[in-house]
Protein backbone atom coordinates (compact mmCIF):
# COMPACT_ATOMS: atom_id res chain seq x y z
CA MET A 1 98.36 127.13 106.32
CA THR A 2 94.79 127.77 105.21
CA ASP A 3 91.90 125.45 106.06
CA VAL A 4 90.22 123.65 103.18
CA VAL A 5 87.53 122.24 105.50
CA LYS A 6 86.13 123.72 108.70
CA VAL A 7 83.55 121.76 110.73
CA ILE A 8 81.98 124.00 113.37
CA ASN A 9 79.87 122.59 116.21
CA VAL A 10 77.98 120.16 113.96
CA THR A 11 75.10 118.17 115.43
CA LYS A 12 72.80 115.64 113.78
CA THR A 13 69.61 114.34 115.37
CA TYR A 14 67.38 111.74 113.72
CA GLY A 15 63.66 111.50 114.52
CA LYS A 16 60.91 114.09 114.76
CA LYS A 17 60.19 116.22 117.81
CA GLY A 18 57.84 114.46 120.20
CA GLU A 19 59.07 111.07 118.96
CA LYS A 20 62.06 109.05 120.07
CA GLN A 21 65.16 110.84 118.80
CA TYR A 22 68.73 109.70 118.27
CA GLN A 23 71.62 112.16 118.33
CA ALA A 24 74.29 110.83 115.98
CA LEU A 25 76.62 113.85 116.21
CA LYS A 26 77.01 115.94 119.36
CA GLY A 27 78.77 119.19 118.55
CA ILE A 28 81.77 118.18 116.42
CA SER A 29 84.42 120.77 115.47
CA PHE A 30 87.72 120.34 113.61
CA ASP A 31 89.67 121.69 110.63
CA VAL A 32 91.50 120.11 107.72
CA GLU A 33 94.38 122.22 106.45
CA ARG A 34 95.02 122.53 102.73
CA GLY A 35 97.38 119.72 101.74
CA GLU A 36 96.74 117.68 104.90
CA PHE A 37 95.93 113.93 105.08
CA VAL A 38 93.49 113.33 107.93
CA GLY A 39 92.06 110.00 109.07
CA ILE A 40 88.84 109.53 111.02
CA MET A 41 88.43 106.33 113.01
CA GLY A 42 85.53 105.01 115.06
CA ALA A 43 83.48 101.91 115.70
CA SER A 44 80.24 101.15 113.88
CA GLY A 45 77.59 103.55 115.13
CA SER A 46 80.14 106.12 116.32
CA GLY A 47 78.90 108.75 113.86
CA LYS A 48 81.74 108.71 111.34
CA THR A 49 79.55 107.86 108.33
CA THR A 50 76.98 110.50 109.32
CA LEU A 51 79.79 113.04 109.61
CA LEU A 52 81.20 112.13 106.20
CA ASN A 53 77.75 112.34 104.59
CA ILE A 54 77.29 115.85 105.98
CA MET A 55 80.79 116.95 104.92
CA SER A 56 80.17 115.67 101.39
CA THR A 57 76.75 117.43 101.05
CA LEU A 58 74.84 114.12 100.99
CA ASP A 59 73.10 115.04 104.25
CA ARG A 60 72.45 118.22 106.23
CA PRO A 61 73.33 118.84 109.88
CA THR A 62 70.66 119.61 112.46
CA SER A 63 72.83 122.54 113.56
CA GLY A 64 76.35 123.82 113.00
CA ASN A 65 78.32 124.73 109.90
CA VAL A 66 80.65 123.08 107.38
CA VAL A 67 82.86 125.39 105.32
CA ILE A 68 84.69 123.94 102.29
CA ASN A 69 87.08 126.08 100.30
CA GLY A 70 85.55 129.21 101.83
CA ARG A 71 81.88 128.34 101.24
CA ASP A 72 79.43 127.30 103.95
CA ILE A 73 77.77 124.24 102.42
CA THR A 74 75.01 124.27 105.04
CA LYS A 75 73.70 127.48 103.45
CA LEU A 76 73.52 126.07 99.91
CA LYS A 77 70.23 125.22 98.23
CA ASN A 78 69.76 121.75 96.72
CA ASN A 79 70.67 122.74 93.15
CA GLU A 80 73.68 124.75 94.38
CA MET A 81 74.76 121.80 96.51
CA SER A 82 74.92 119.37 93.58
CA ASP A 83 76.95 121.88 91.55
CA PHE A 84 79.29 122.50 94.48
CA ARG A 85 79.76 118.77 95.03
CA GLY A 86 80.62 118.28 91.38
CA GLN A 87 83.23 121.04 91.44
CA GLU A 88 84.84 120.93 94.88
CA ILE A 89 84.49 117.38 96.24
CA GLY A 90 86.05 114.09 95.16
CA PHE A 91 84.78 110.83 96.65
CA VAL A 92 86.29 107.33 96.69
CA PHE A 93 83.88 104.65 97.92
CA GLN A 94 84.61 101.19 99.29
CA ASP A 95 82.69 99.47 96.47
CA PHE A 96 84.12 101.59 93.60
CA ASN A 97 80.71 102.78 92.26
CA LEU A 98 81.88 102.54 88.65
CA LEU A 99 79.34 102.33 85.82
CA GLU A 100 79.84 98.91 84.22
CA ASN A 101 78.49 99.96 80.80
CA LEU A 102 81.11 102.71 80.43
CA THR A 103 84.80 102.27 79.71
CA ASN A 104 87.24 103.26 82.43
CA ARG A 105 88.08 106.38 80.43
CA GLU A 106 84.38 107.33 80.29
CA ASN A 107 83.98 106.65 84.01
CA ILE A 108 86.89 108.96 84.85
CA ALA A 109 85.55 111.66 82.53
CA LEU A 110 82.08 111.75 84.14
CA PRO A 111 82.67 114.72 86.50
CA LEU A 112 84.03 116.77 83.58
CA ALA A 113 81.15 115.77 81.33
CA LEU A 114 78.70 116.95 83.99
CA GLN A 115 80.47 120.33 83.95
CA ASN A 116 80.13 120.47 80.13
CA ALA A 117 83.90 120.61 79.67
CA LYS A 118 85.20 120.67 76.09
CA PRO A 119 86.22 117.27 74.64
CA ASP A 120 89.88 118.22 74.22
CA GLN A 121 90.02 119.42 77.85
CA VAL A 122 88.40 116.20 79.02
CA GLU A 123 90.88 114.04 77.11
CA ALA A 124 93.88 115.99 78.40
CA LYS A 125 92.73 115.87 82.04
CA VAL A 126 91.82 112.18 81.92
CA ASN A 127 95.18 111.29 80.37
CA LEU A 128 97.04 113.35 82.98
CA ILE A 129 95.37 111.80 86.04
CA ALA A 130 95.57 108.31 84.49
CA LYS A 131 99.32 108.75 84.07
CA LYS A 132 99.70 109.86 87.70
CA LEU A 133 97.80 106.79 88.90
CA GLY A 134 99.46 104.37 86.50
CA ILE A 135 96.29 103.26 84.70
CA GLY A 136 96.87 104.58 81.18
CA SER A 137 96.92 101.06 79.72
CA ILE A 138 93.42 100.15 80.94
CA LEU A 139 91.49 103.27 79.92
CA GLU A 140 89.71 101.58 77.01
CA LYS A 141 88.72 98.51 79.03
CA TYR A 142 85.50 98.13 81.03
CA PRO A 143 85.39 97.78 84.85
CA ALA A 144 84.49 94.08 84.58
CA GLU A 145 87.79 93.46 82.74
CA ILE A 146 90.13 94.79 85.46
CA SER A 147 91.13 93.85 89.02
CA GLY A 148 89.74 95.32 92.23
CA GLY A 149 92.89 97.34 92.78
CA GLN A 150 92.69 98.77 89.28
CA LYS A 151 88.99 99.57 89.76
CA GLN A 152 89.82 101.58 92.87
CA ARG A 153 92.52 103.48 90.97
CA VAL A 154 89.96 104.29 88.27
CA ALA A 155 87.57 105.44 91.02
CA ALA A 156 90.35 107.59 92.50
CA ALA A 157 91.08 109.07 89.08
CA ARG A 158 87.39 109.93 88.64
CA ALA A 159 87.41 111.59 92.07
CA LEU A 160 90.47 113.69 91.24
CA VAL A 161 90.07 114.53 87.55
CA HIS A 162 88.26 117.84 88.23
CA ASN A 163 90.86 119.01 90.81
CA PRO A 164 88.53 119.06 93.83
CA ALA A 165 89.31 121.05 96.96
CA ILE A 166 89.07 117.89 99.09
CA LEU A 167 89.21 114.14 98.43
CA TYR A 168 87.05 112.03 100.73
CA GLY A 169 87.69 108.32 101.15
CA ASP A 170 85.02 106.10 102.72
CA GLU A 171 86.83 102.88 103.67
CA PRO A 172 88.61 103.03 100.28
CA THR A 173 90.66 99.87 100.92
CA GLY A 174 87.77 97.86 102.38
CA ALA A 175 87.15 95.74 99.28
CA LEU A 176 90.82 95.26 98.35
CA ASP A 177 93.37 92.54 99.09
CA SER A 178 96.40 93.61 101.13
CA LYS A 179 98.67 94.18 98.11
CA SER A 180 96.12 96.31 96.25
CA ALA A 181 95.28 98.20 99.46
CA THR A 182 98.94 99.06 100.05
CA GLU A 183 99.36 100.20 96.43
CA LEU A 184 96.30 102.47 96.71
CA LEU A 185 97.48 103.94 100.03
CA GLU A 186 100.95 104.59 98.62
CA THR A 187 99.31 106.35 95.67
CA MET A 188 97.19 108.48 98.01
CA LYS A 189 100.29 109.33 100.04
CA ASP A 190 102.13 110.42 96.90
CA LEU A 191 99.19 112.54 95.72
CA ASN A 192 99.10 114.18 99.14
CA ARG A 193 102.82 114.86 99.40
CA LYS A 194 103.76 115.63 95.81
CA ASP A 195 100.56 117.22 94.49
CA LYS A 196 99.32 118.61 97.85
CA VAL A 197 95.94 116.89 97.46
CA SER A 198 93.91 117.40 100.65
CA ILE A 199 92.53 114.05 101.86
CA LEU A 200 90.08 113.03 104.56
CA MET A 201 89.71 109.26 104.94
CA VAL A 202 87.21 107.41 107.12
CA THR A 203 88.49 103.97 108.07
CA HIS A 204 88.36 101.34 110.79
CA ASP A 205 91.65 99.82 109.59
CA PRO A 206 94.74 100.92 111.58
CA PHE A 207 97.07 100.05 108.69
CA SER A 208 95.20 102.42 106.36
CA ALA A 209 95.02 105.07 109.08
CA SER A 210 98.78 104.97 109.56
CA TYR A 211 99.21 106.69 106.18
CA ALA A 212 97.49 109.82 107.51
CA SER A 213 99.36 112.68 109.16
CA ARG A 214 96.68 113.07 111.82
CA ILE A 215 93.87 110.89 113.15
CA LEU A 216 90.66 111.95 114.85
CA PHE A 217 88.89 109.29 116.92
CA ILE A 218 85.10 109.65 117.01
CA LYS A 219 83.05 107.94 119.71
CA ASP A 220 79.35 108.31 120.54
CA GLY A 221 79.04 111.31 118.21
CA LYS A 222 81.98 113.26 119.64
CA ILE A 223 85.62 113.74 118.67
CA GLY A 224 87.76 112.39 121.49
CA LYS A 225 91.44 111.61 121.12
CA GLU A 226 93.61 113.04 118.34
CA LEU A 227 96.89 111.47 117.25
CA LYS A 228 99.54 113.21 115.16
CA ARG A 229 102.19 111.37 113.23
CA ASP A 230 104.75 114.21 113.35
CA SER A 231 108.23 112.76 112.75
CA LYS A 232 107.29 109.16 113.53
CA SER A 233 107.70 106.49 110.87
CA ARG A 234 104.56 104.93 109.44
CA GLU A 235 105.28 101.71 111.39
CA GLU A 236 105.69 103.64 114.65
CA PHE A 237 102.47 105.52 113.99
CA TYR A 238 100.71 102.22 113.22
CA GLN A 239 101.79 100.81 116.59
CA GLU A 240 100.57 103.97 118.33
CA ILE A 241 97.16 103.62 116.63
CA ILE A 242 96.95 99.95 117.64
CA ALA A 243 97.73 100.90 121.26
CA GLU A 244 95.10 103.65 121.23
CA LEU A 245 92.45 101.30 119.81
CA GLY A 246 93.33 98.79 122.54
CA ARG A 247 92.46 101.38 125.19
CA ARG A 248 88.94 101.90 123.83
């Protein structure tokens, strides 16, 4: 298997030299294989959001490297970084981040529009991802007219429409009721298994984490324990995650 993401000895320190400094990340290294579904868990302040921001080009590390789809994003200039993000990274946020004045179809099409894709290509790609996520019937509606679960599916479609190398989820089920959360997680699982979409999801929720094939626990800026699902059922993996969280 090839790695779609390689994080190599990444550190992040906030504060200027000579002033009080805070080290959020302390030499983190791990890989995400192409087609893998990885979860990252950690308490508030553990460094997981800082790590995700660096991996998604929203922040830069103090030292270390992050390689995505063969390119070291820490070496990119600002204009190159925004282009790279638009082509190689998909992002699903907790609060959807949809533009309320655009239809759901227009929201999904945004990454393609930013790449100046031709209208017929845009329509074909939007229709394809909407069909996969079961949201074809709400494309002409606005975000205010649909449920939270549907909004997150639209957000997922927007994140995937340009076929990114990696899909990042930042607490993607955090704003959803349990039924909508389960539906979204099942959809992500299907995209991972059937379409080989590579996923990295940051979550504090053990139920969400149990859908991953591997979980990295981050604490005080370092990766500690790693759990692998292997042949365990999702319920068995869930219980193992609960037990591990209880030991922390």
